[in-house]
Amino acid sequence: MNIRPYTEDDFIQVSNIYAQGKLDELIFEANEFNLIPLSQDTKRFSLFQNSQIFVYGKNKVLGYVAIHQSEISSLFVHPNERGKAIGTQLLKYALTHRPLPMTLQVVSSNTPAKNLYLKQGFRKQSSLLAEYNGVGVWVDQMVYEA
């Protein structure tokens, strides 16, 4: 497994993966969204900075997972690397390295991500209206208790 702790040297690659993946999680929404780069998104960047982060890849980062307390606050895989079980490996790694239960939020319309979480044993707990860049979006709160 090529998962290791994040270092500051990884930030450019991680922020590029975030930029390429963030709008993908909103692709099934009726509204259009404009990307706010990670370093300029005050809320998400603060959460990122206060998270424990693990990256997949040795010399090149192919994906990452960020964990804040008992929440998976971010999990993205480079678009060219999807379908190779990188997201599954990062998710399993996160679940074995933090106390349970673990929670996460996923855009309700993001069926591919929801299916990944359901396959790994997460269950939907509730839904809530959140926003990205001032536009409302429904998200599902999911929990893993194993």
N, C-alpha and C. Protein backbone atom coordinates (compact mmCIF):
# COMPACT_ATOMS: atom_id res chain seq x y z
N MET A 1 0.85 -1.18 0.00
CA MET A 1 0.00 0.00 0.00
C MET A 1 0.89 1.24 0.00
N ASN A 2 0.54 2.19 -0.81
CA ASN A 2 1.33 3.42 -0.96
C ASN A 2 0.72 4.59 -0.22
N ILE A 3 0.25 4.38 0.99
CA ILE A 3 -0.35 5.47 1.77
C ILE A 3 0.64 5.92 2.81
N ARG A 4 0.79 7.23 2.90
CA ARG A 4 1.74 7.81 3.85
C ARG A 4 1.19 9.13 4.38
N PRO A 5 1.77 9.61 5.50
CA PRO A 5 1.33 10.91 6.01
C PRO A 5 1.66 12.04 5.02
N TYR A 6 0.80 12.99 4.96
CA TYR A 6 0.95 14.20 4.15
C TYR A 6 2.11 15.03 4.67
N THR A 7 2.84 15.66 3.76
CA THR A 7 3.84 16.67 4.13
C THR A 7 3.50 17.95 3.38
N GLU A 8 4.03 19.06 3.83
CA GLU A 8 3.77 20.34 3.15
C GLU A 8 4.23 20.32 1.70
N ASP A 9 5.22 19.50 1.39
CA ASP A 9 5.68 19.37 0.00
C ASP A 9 4.60 18.80 -0.91
N ASP A 10 3.60 18.16 -0.34
CA ASP A 10 2.51 17.57 -1.12
C ASP A 10 1.41 18.57 -1.46
N PHE A 11 1.45 19.77 -0.89
CA PHE A 11 0.31 20.67 -0.99
C PHE A 11 -0.07 21.01 -2.43
N ILE A 12 0.88 21.29 -3.27
CA ILE A 12 0.53 21.66 -4.66
C ILE A 12 -0.20 20.52 -5.34
N GLN A 13 0.29 19.29 -5.19
CA GLN A 13 -0.37 18.15 -5.82
C GLN A 13 -1.76 17.91 -5.21
N VAL A 14 -1.85 18.00 -3.88
CA VAL A 14 -3.13 17.80 -3.21
C VAL A 14 -4.13 18.87 -3.63
N SER A 15 -3.70 20.12 -3.68
CA SER A 15 -4.64 21.18 -4.08
C SER A 15 -5.06 21.03 -5.54
N ASN A 16 -4.19 20.50 -6.39
CA ASN A 16 -4.57 20.23 -7.78
C ASN A 16 -5.61 19.11 -7.86
N ILE A 17 -5.43 18.06 -7.06
CA ILE A 17 -6.41 16.98 -7.01
C ILE A 17 -7.74 17.51 -6.50
N TYR A 18 -7.70 18.34 -5.47
CA TYR A 18 -8.92 18.97 -4.94
C TYR A 18 -9.61 19.77 -6.05
N ALA A 19 -8.84 20.59 -6.77
CA ALA A 19 -9.41 21.44 -7.82
C ALA A 19 -10.05 20.61 -8.92
N GLN A 20 -9.45 19.47 -9.26
CA GLN A 20 -10.00 18.64 -10.32
C GLN A 20 -11.18 17.80 -9.83
N GLY A 21 -11.24 17.52 -8.52
CA GLY A 21 -12.28 16.67 -7.99
C GLY A 21 -13.47 17.37 -7.38
N LYS A 22 -13.27 18.59 -6.89
CA LYS A 22 -14.34 19.28 -6.15
C LYS A 22 -15.60 19.46 -7.00
N LEU A 23 -15.43 19.94 -8.21
CA LEU A 23 -16.61 20.16 -9.05
C LEU A 23 -17.20 18.85 -9.53
N ASP A 24 -16.37 17.78 -9.60
CA ASP A 24 -16.90 16.46 -9.99
C ASP A 24 -17.93 15.97 -8.98
N GLU A 25 -17.74 16.28 -7.69
CA GLU A 25 -18.70 15.81 -6.70
C GLU A 25 -20.03 16.54 -6.83
N LEU A 26 -20.05 17.63 -7.57
CA LEU A 26 -21.27 18.41 -7.75
C LEU A 26 -21.85 18.26 -9.16
N ILE A 27 -21.29 17.38 -9.95
CA ILE A 27 -21.65 17.26 -11.36
C ILE A 27 -23.11 16.84 -11.59
N PHE A 28 -23.68 16.14 -10.62
CA PHE A 28 -25.05 15.65 -10.79
C PHE A 28 -26.09 16.66 -10.28
N GLU A 29 -25.64 17.81 -9.82
CA GLU A 29 -26.54 18.85 -9.33
C GLU A 29 -27.12 19.65 -10.49
N ALA A 30 -28.31 20.21 -10.30
CA ALA A 30 -28.95 21.01 -11.35
C ALA A 30 -28.27 22.37 -11.49
N ASN A 31 -27.74 22.91 -10.40
CA ASN A 31 -27.09 24.22 -10.44
C ASN A 31 -25.66 24.10 -10.94
N GLU A 32 -25.13 25.21 -11.45
CA GLU A 32 -23.73 25.27 -11.84
C GLU A 32 -22.93 25.85 -10.69
N PHE A 33 -21.71 25.36 -10.54
CA PHE A 33 -20.84 25.81 -9.46
C PHE A 33 -19.53 26.29 -10.03
N ASN A 34 -18.96 27.30 -9.41
CA ASN A 34 -17.63 27.77 -9.75
C ASN A 34 -16.67 27.31 -8.66
N LEU A 35 -15.52 26.86 -9.09
CA LEU A 35 -14.52 26.36 -8.15
C LEU A 35 -13.91 27.48 -7.33
N ILE A 36 -13.82 27.24 -6.04
CA ILE A 36 -13.01 28.08 -5.16
C ILE A 36 -11.79 27.22 -4.83
N PRO A 37 -10.58 27.63 -5.24
CA PRO A 37 -9.39 26.84 -4.91
C PRO A 37 -9.30 26.60 -3.41
N LEU A 38 -8.77 25.45 -3.05
CA LEU A 38 -8.69 25.06 -1.64
C LEU A 38 -8.08 26.16 -0.78
N SER A 39 -6.98 26.73 -1.21
CA SER A 39 -6.29 27.74 -0.39
C SER A 39 -7.09 29.03 -0.24
N GLN A 40 -8.12 29.22 -1.09
CA GLN A 40 -8.94 30.43 -1.02
C GLN A 40 -10.31 30.19 -0.39
N ASP A 41 -10.63 28.95 -0.11
CA ASP A 41 -11.90 28.59 0.50
C ASP A 41 -11.68 28.56 2.02
N THR A 42 -12.00 29.65 2.67
CA THR A 42 -11.68 29.84 4.08
C THR A 42 -12.13 28.68 4.95
N LYS A 43 -13.36 28.25 4.81
CA LYS A 43 -13.92 27.18 5.63
C LYS A 43 -13.19 25.85 5.38
N ARG A 44 -13.11 25.45 4.12
CA ARG A 44 -12.51 24.15 3.80
C ARG A 44 -11.00 24.14 4.03
N PHE A 45 -10.33 25.26 3.79
CA PHE A 45 -8.89 25.31 4.01
C PHE A 45 -8.56 25.23 5.49
N SER A 46 -9.35 25.89 6.31
CA SER A 46 -9.15 25.81 7.76
C SER A 46 -9.35 24.37 8.25
N LEU A 47 -10.39 23.72 7.76
CA LEU A 47 -10.63 22.32 8.11
C LEU A 47 -9.48 21.44 7.64
N PHE A 48 -8.99 21.68 6.43
CA PHE A 48 -7.86 20.94 5.88
C PHE A 48 -6.63 21.10 6.79
N GLN A 49 -6.35 22.33 7.18
CA GLN A 49 -5.17 22.60 8.01
C GLN A 49 -5.26 21.96 9.40
N ASN A 50 -6.47 21.72 9.86
CA ASN A 50 -6.66 21.13 11.18
C ASN A 50 -6.99 19.64 11.12
N SER A 51 -6.71 19.02 9.99
CA SER A 51 -6.99 17.61 9.78
C SER A 51 -5.70 16.80 9.74
N GLN A 52 -5.86 15.52 10.00
CA GLN A 52 -4.77 14.58 9.79
C GLN A 52 -4.96 14.10 8.35
N ILE A 53 -3.91 14.21 7.54
CA ILE A 53 -4.03 13.94 6.11
C ILE A 53 -3.08 12.82 5.71
N PHE A 54 -3.59 11.94 4.88
CA PHE A 54 -2.79 10.85 4.32
C PHE A 54 -2.91 10.91 2.81
N VAL A 55 -1.81 10.66 2.12
CA VAL A 55 -1.81 10.69 0.67
C VAL A 55 -1.50 9.30 0.12
N TYR A 56 -1.99 9.06 -1.07
CA TYR A 56 -1.71 7.81 -1.77
C TYR A 56 -0.70 8.14 -2.86
N GLY A 57 0.46 7.51 -2.80
CA GLY A 57 1.49 7.71 -3.81
C GLY A 57 2.82 8.00 -3.16
N LYS A 58 3.87 7.63 -3.84
CA LYS A 58 5.22 7.88 -3.32
C LYS A 58 5.74 9.20 -3.83
N ASN A 59 6.12 9.26 -5.09
CA ASN A 59 6.65 10.50 -5.66
C ASN A 59 5.55 11.40 -6.22
N LYS A 60 4.47 10.78 -6.66
CA LYS A 60 3.35 11.52 -7.22
C LYS A 60 2.11 11.20 -6.39
N VAL A 61 1.42 12.21 -5.90
CA VAL A 61 0.21 12.01 -5.12
C VAL A 61 -0.94 11.74 -6.09
N LEU A 62 -1.62 10.60 -5.86
CA LEU A 62 -2.74 10.21 -6.71
C LEU A 62 -4.09 10.42 -6.04
N GLY A 63 -4.06 10.61 -4.72
CA GLY A 63 -5.28 10.83 -3.96
C GLY A 63 -4.94 11.14 -2.52
N TYR A 64 -5.93 11.62 -1.79
CA TYR A 64 -5.71 11.91 -0.37
C TYR A 64 -7.00 11.80 0.42
N VAL A 65 -6.83 11.61 1.72
CA VAL A 65 -7.94 11.62 2.65
C VAL A 65 -7.56 12.52 3.82
N ALA A 66 -8.51 13.35 4.26
CA ALA A 66 -8.31 14.23 5.40
C ALA A 66 -9.30 13.84 6.49
N ILE A 67 -8.79 13.72 7.71
CA ILE A 67 -9.61 13.30 8.84
C ILE A 67 -9.54 14.39 9.91
N HIS A 68 -10.69 14.89 10.29
CA HIS A 68 -10.77 15.87 11.36
C HIS A 68 -11.57 15.25 12.50
N GLN A 69 -10.88 14.99 13.60
CA GLN A 69 -11.46 14.31 14.75
C GLN A 69 -12.03 12.97 14.29
N SER A 70 -13.32 12.79 14.31
CA SER A 70 -13.90 11.51 13.88
C SER A 70 -14.68 11.65 12.57
N GLU A 71 -14.30 12.64 11.76
CA GLU A 71 -14.97 12.88 10.49
C GLU A 71 -13.97 12.81 9.33
N ILE A 72 -14.35 12.10 8.31
CA ILE A 72 -13.58 12.16 7.07
C ILE A 72 -14.05 13.43 6.38
N SER A 73 -13.20 14.44 6.43
CA SER A 73 -13.60 15.75 5.93
C SER A 73 -13.35 15.93 4.44
N SER A 74 -12.52 15.05 3.87
CA SER A 74 -12.21 15.16 2.45
C SER A 74 -11.59 13.86 1.96
N LEU A 75 -12.01 13.41 0.80
CA LEU A 75 -11.40 12.25 0.15
C LEU A 75 -11.52 12.47 -1.35
N PHE A 76 -10.38 12.65 -2.00
CA PHE A 76 -10.35 12.88 -3.44
C PHE A 76 -9.28 12.03 -4.09
N VAL A 77 -9.59 11.56 -5.29
CA VAL A 77 -8.65 10.80 -6.11
C VAL A 77 -8.52 11.55 -7.44
N HIS A 78 -7.30 11.64 -7.95
CA HIS A 78 -7.07 12.30 -9.23
C HIS A 78 -7.98 11.65 -10.28
N PRO A 79 -8.65 12.44 -11.12
CA PRO A 79 -9.59 11.88 -12.10
C PRO A 79 -8.97 10.79 -12.99
N ASN A 80 -7.71 10.90 -13.35
CA ASN A 80 -7.07 9.90 -14.20
C ASN A 80 -6.79 8.59 -13.47
N GLU A 81 -6.93 8.59 -12.14
CA GLU A 81 -6.59 7.41 -11.33
C GLU A 81 -7.82 6.74 -10.73
N ARG A 82 -9.00 7.23 -11.05
CA ARG A 82 -10.22 6.65 -10.50
C ARG A 82 -10.46 5.27 -11.10
N GLY A 83 -11.15 4.44 -10.34
CA GLY A 83 -11.43 3.09 -10.79
C GLY A 83 -10.31 2.11 -10.50
N LYS A 84 -9.31 2.54 -9.76
CA LYS A 84 -8.15 1.70 -9.43
C LYS A 84 -8.11 1.34 -7.95
N ALA A 85 -9.21 1.53 -7.25
CA ALA A 85 -9.37 1.21 -5.82
C ALA A 85 -8.55 2.11 -4.89
N ILE A 86 -8.09 3.24 -5.39
CA ILE A 86 -7.32 4.16 -4.54
C ILE A 86 -8.22 4.77 -3.47
N GLY A 87 -9.42 5.19 -3.86
CA GLY A 87 -10.36 5.73 -2.90
C GLY A 87 -10.73 4.72 -1.83
N THR A 88 -10.94 3.48 -2.23
CA THR A 88 -11.26 2.41 -1.28
C THR A 88 -10.12 2.20 -0.30
N GLN A 89 -8.89 2.18 -0.81
CA GLN A 89 -7.73 1.99 0.07
C GLN A 89 -7.58 3.15 1.05
N LEU A 90 -7.76 4.37 0.58
CA LEU A 90 -7.67 5.53 1.47
C LEU A 90 -8.77 5.48 2.53
N LEU A 91 -9.97 5.11 2.13
CA LEU A 91 -11.08 5.03 3.06
C LEU A 91 -10.82 3.97 4.12
N LYS A 92 -10.41 2.79 3.70
CA LYS A 92 -10.11 1.72 4.66
C LYS A 92 -8.98 2.13 5.61
N TYR A 93 -7.98 2.80 5.08
CA TYR A 93 -6.87 3.27 5.91
C TYR A 93 -7.38 4.23 6.99
N ALA A 94 -8.23 5.16 6.57
CA ALA A 94 -8.79 6.13 7.52
C ALA A 94 -9.58 5.42 8.61
N LEU A 95 -10.36 4.43 8.23
CA LEU A 95 -11.22 3.72 9.20
C LEU A 95 -10.41 2.89 10.19
N THR A 96 -9.23 2.46 9.82
CA THR A 96 -8.42 1.65 10.73
C THR A 96 -7.44 2.48 11.55
N HIS A 97 -7.35 3.77 11.27
CA HIS A 97 -6.39 4.62 11.98
C HIS A 97 -7.04 5.70 12.85
N ARG A 98 -8.33 5.61 13.03
CA ARG A 98 -9.05 6.58 13.87
C ARG A 98 -10.10 5.82 14.67
N PRO A 99 -10.47 6.34 15.84
CA PRO A 99 -11.52 5.68 16.62
C PRO A 99 -12.88 5.78 15.91
N LEU A 100 -13.69 4.79 16.15
CA LEU A 100 -15.03 4.75 15.56
C LEU A 100 -16.04 5.28 16.57
N PRO A 101 -17.16 5.76 16.18
CA PRO A 101 -17.66 5.82 14.82
C PRO A 101 -17.00 6.96 14.02
N MET A 102 -17.00 6.80 12.71
CA MET A 102 -16.51 7.83 11.79
C MET A 102 -17.70 8.35 11.00
N THR A 103 -17.67 9.63 10.71
CA THR A 103 -18.74 10.23 9.92
C THR A 103 -18.15 10.90 8.68
N LEU A 104 -19.01 11.23 7.76
CA LEU A 104 -18.63 12.01 6.59
C LEU A 104 -19.88 12.61 5.99
N GLN A 105 -19.68 13.61 5.16
CA GLN A 105 -20.78 14.19 4.41
C GLN A 105 -20.49 14.02 2.94
N VAL A 106 -21.52 13.65 2.19
CA VAL A 106 -21.38 13.45 0.74
C VAL A 106 -22.57 14.10 0.06
N VAL A 107 -22.30 14.76 -1.07
CA VAL A 107 -23.38 15.38 -1.83
C VAL A 107 -24.41 14.29 -2.18
N SER A 108 -25.66 14.55 -1.86
CA SER A 108 -26.72 13.54 -2.02
C SER A 108 -26.81 12.99 -3.44
N SER A 109 -26.54 13.81 -4.44
CA SER A 109 -26.64 13.37 -5.83
C SER A 109 -25.39 12.65 -6.33
N ASN A 110 -24.35 12.58 -5.52
CA ASN A 110 -23.08 11.98 -5.93
C ASN A 110 -23.13 10.46 -5.71
N THR A 111 -23.86 9.79 -6.57
CA THR A 111 -24.07 8.35 -6.45
C THR A 111 -22.78 7.54 -6.44
N PRO A 112 -21.80 7.83 -7.29
CA PRO A 112 -20.57 7.03 -7.25
C PRO A 112 -19.87 7.07 -5.87
N ALA A 113 -19.78 8.24 -5.28
CA ALA A 113 -19.14 8.35 -3.96
C ALA A 113 -19.99 7.66 -2.90
N LYS A 114 -21.30 7.88 -2.95
CA LYS A 114 -22.18 7.23 -1.97
C LYS A 114 -22.07 5.71 -2.05
N ASN A 115 -21.99 5.18 -3.26
CA ASN A 115 -21.85 3.73 -3.42
C ASN A 115 -20.56 3.22 -2.80
N LEU A 116 -19.47 3.96 -2.96
CA LEU A 116 -18.20 3.59 -2.33
C LEU A 116 -18.37 3.50 -0.82
N TYR A 117 -18.99 4.51 -0.24
CA TYR A 117 -19.15 4.54 1.22
C TYR A 117 -20.09 3.44 1.70
N LEU A 118 -21.17 3.20 0.98
CA LEU A 118 -22.10 2.14 1.36
C LEU A 118 -21.42 0.76 1.29
N LYS A 119 -20.61 0.53 0.27
CA LYS A 119 -19.89 -0.75 0.13
C LYS A 119 -18.94 -1.00 1.30
N GLN A 120 -18.43 0.07 1.88
CA GLN A 120 -17.48 -0.06 2.98
C GLN A 120 -18.17 -0.08 4.34
N GLY A 121 -19.50 -0.05 4.35
CA GLY A 121 -20.24 -0.20 5.61
C GLY A 121 -20.80 1.08 6.21
N PHE A 122 -20.69 2.19 5.50
CA PHE A 122 -21.33 3.42 5.98
C PHE A 122 -22.82 3.29 5.76
N ARG A 123 -23.58 4.02 6.57
CA ARG A 123 -25.02 4.10 6.36
C ARG A 123 -25.43 5.57 6.47
N LYS A 124 -26.49 5.89 5.74
CA LYS A 124 -27.00 7.26 5.77
C LYS A 124 -27.69 7.50 7.10
N GLN A 125 -27.33 8.61 7.72
CA GLN A 125 -27.91 8.98 9.00
C GLN A 125 -28.97 10.08 8.84
N SER A 126 -28.66 11.06 7.99
CA SER A 126 -29.59 12.17 7.79
C SER A 126 -29.17 12.95 6.54
N SER A 127 -29.98 13.92 6.15
CA SER A 127 -29.65 14.82 5.05
C SER A 127 -29.78 16.25 5.56
N LEU A 128 -28.99 17.15 4.98
CA LEU A 128 -29.07 18.55 5.36
C LEU A 128 -28.71 19.42 4.18
N LEU A 129 -29.21 20.63 4.20
CA LEU A 129 -28.92 21.58 3.14
C LEU A 129 -27.66 22.34 3.51
N ALA A 130 -26.64 22.21 2.68
CA ALA A 130 -25.38 22.92 2.87
C ALA A 130 -25.23 23.89 1.70
N GLU A 131 -24.05 24.47 1.58
CA GLU A 131 -23.83 25.34 0.43
C GLU A 131 -22.37 25.26 0.00
N TYR A 132 -22.18 25.48 -1.27
CA TYR A 132 -20.84 25.61 -1.83
C TYR A 132 -20.84 26.87 -2.67
N ASN A 133 -19.97 27.78 -2.33
CA ASN A 133 -19.83 29.04 -3.06
C ASN A 133 -21.18 29.77 -3.16
N GLY A 134 -21.94 29.72 -2.07
CA GLY A 134 -23.21 30.44 -1.99
C GLY A 134 -24.39 29.73 -2.64
N VAL A 135 -24.19 28.53 -3.16
CA VAL A 135 -25.26 27.79 -3.82
C VAL A 135 -25.65 26.61 -2.94
N GLY A 136 -26.94 26.45 -2.69
CA GLY A 136 -27.42 25.37 -1.84
C GLY A 136 -27.21 24.00 -2.48
N VAL A 137 -26.86 23.04 -1.65
CA VAL A 137 -26.66 21.67 -2.11
C VAL A 137 -27.02 20.72 -0.96
N TRP A 138 -27.79 19.68 -1.28
CA TRP A 138 -28.15 18.70 -0.26
C TRP A 138 -27.00 17.72 -0.06
N VAL A 139 -26.70 17.42 1.18
CA VAL A 139 -25.66 16.44 1.50
C VAL A 139 -26.24 15.40 2.46
N ASP A 140 -25.71 14.20 2.34
CA ASP A 140 -26.08 13.12 3.26
C ASP A 140 -25.00 12.99 4.33
N GLN A 141 -25.42 12.94 5.56
CA GLN A 141 -24.52 12.66 6.68
C GLN A 141 -24.49 11.14 6.80
N MET A 142 -23.29 10.55 6.71
CA MET A 142 -23.16 9.10 6.79
C MET A 142 -22.29 8.73 7.98
N VAL A 143 -22.51 7.54 8.51
CA VAL A 143 -21.76 7.10 9.68
C VAL A 143 -21.28 5.66 9.47
N TYR A 144 -20.10 5.38 10.02
CA TYR A 144 -19.51 4.04 10.00
C TYR A 144 -19.26 3.66 11.44
N GLU A 145 -19.88 2.56 11.88
CA GLU A 145 -19.74 2.14 13.27
C GLU A 145 -19.08 0.78 13.39
N ALA A 146 -19.17 -0.03 12.36
CA ALA A 146 -18.63 -1.40 12.32
C ALA A 146 -18.77 -2.09 13.65
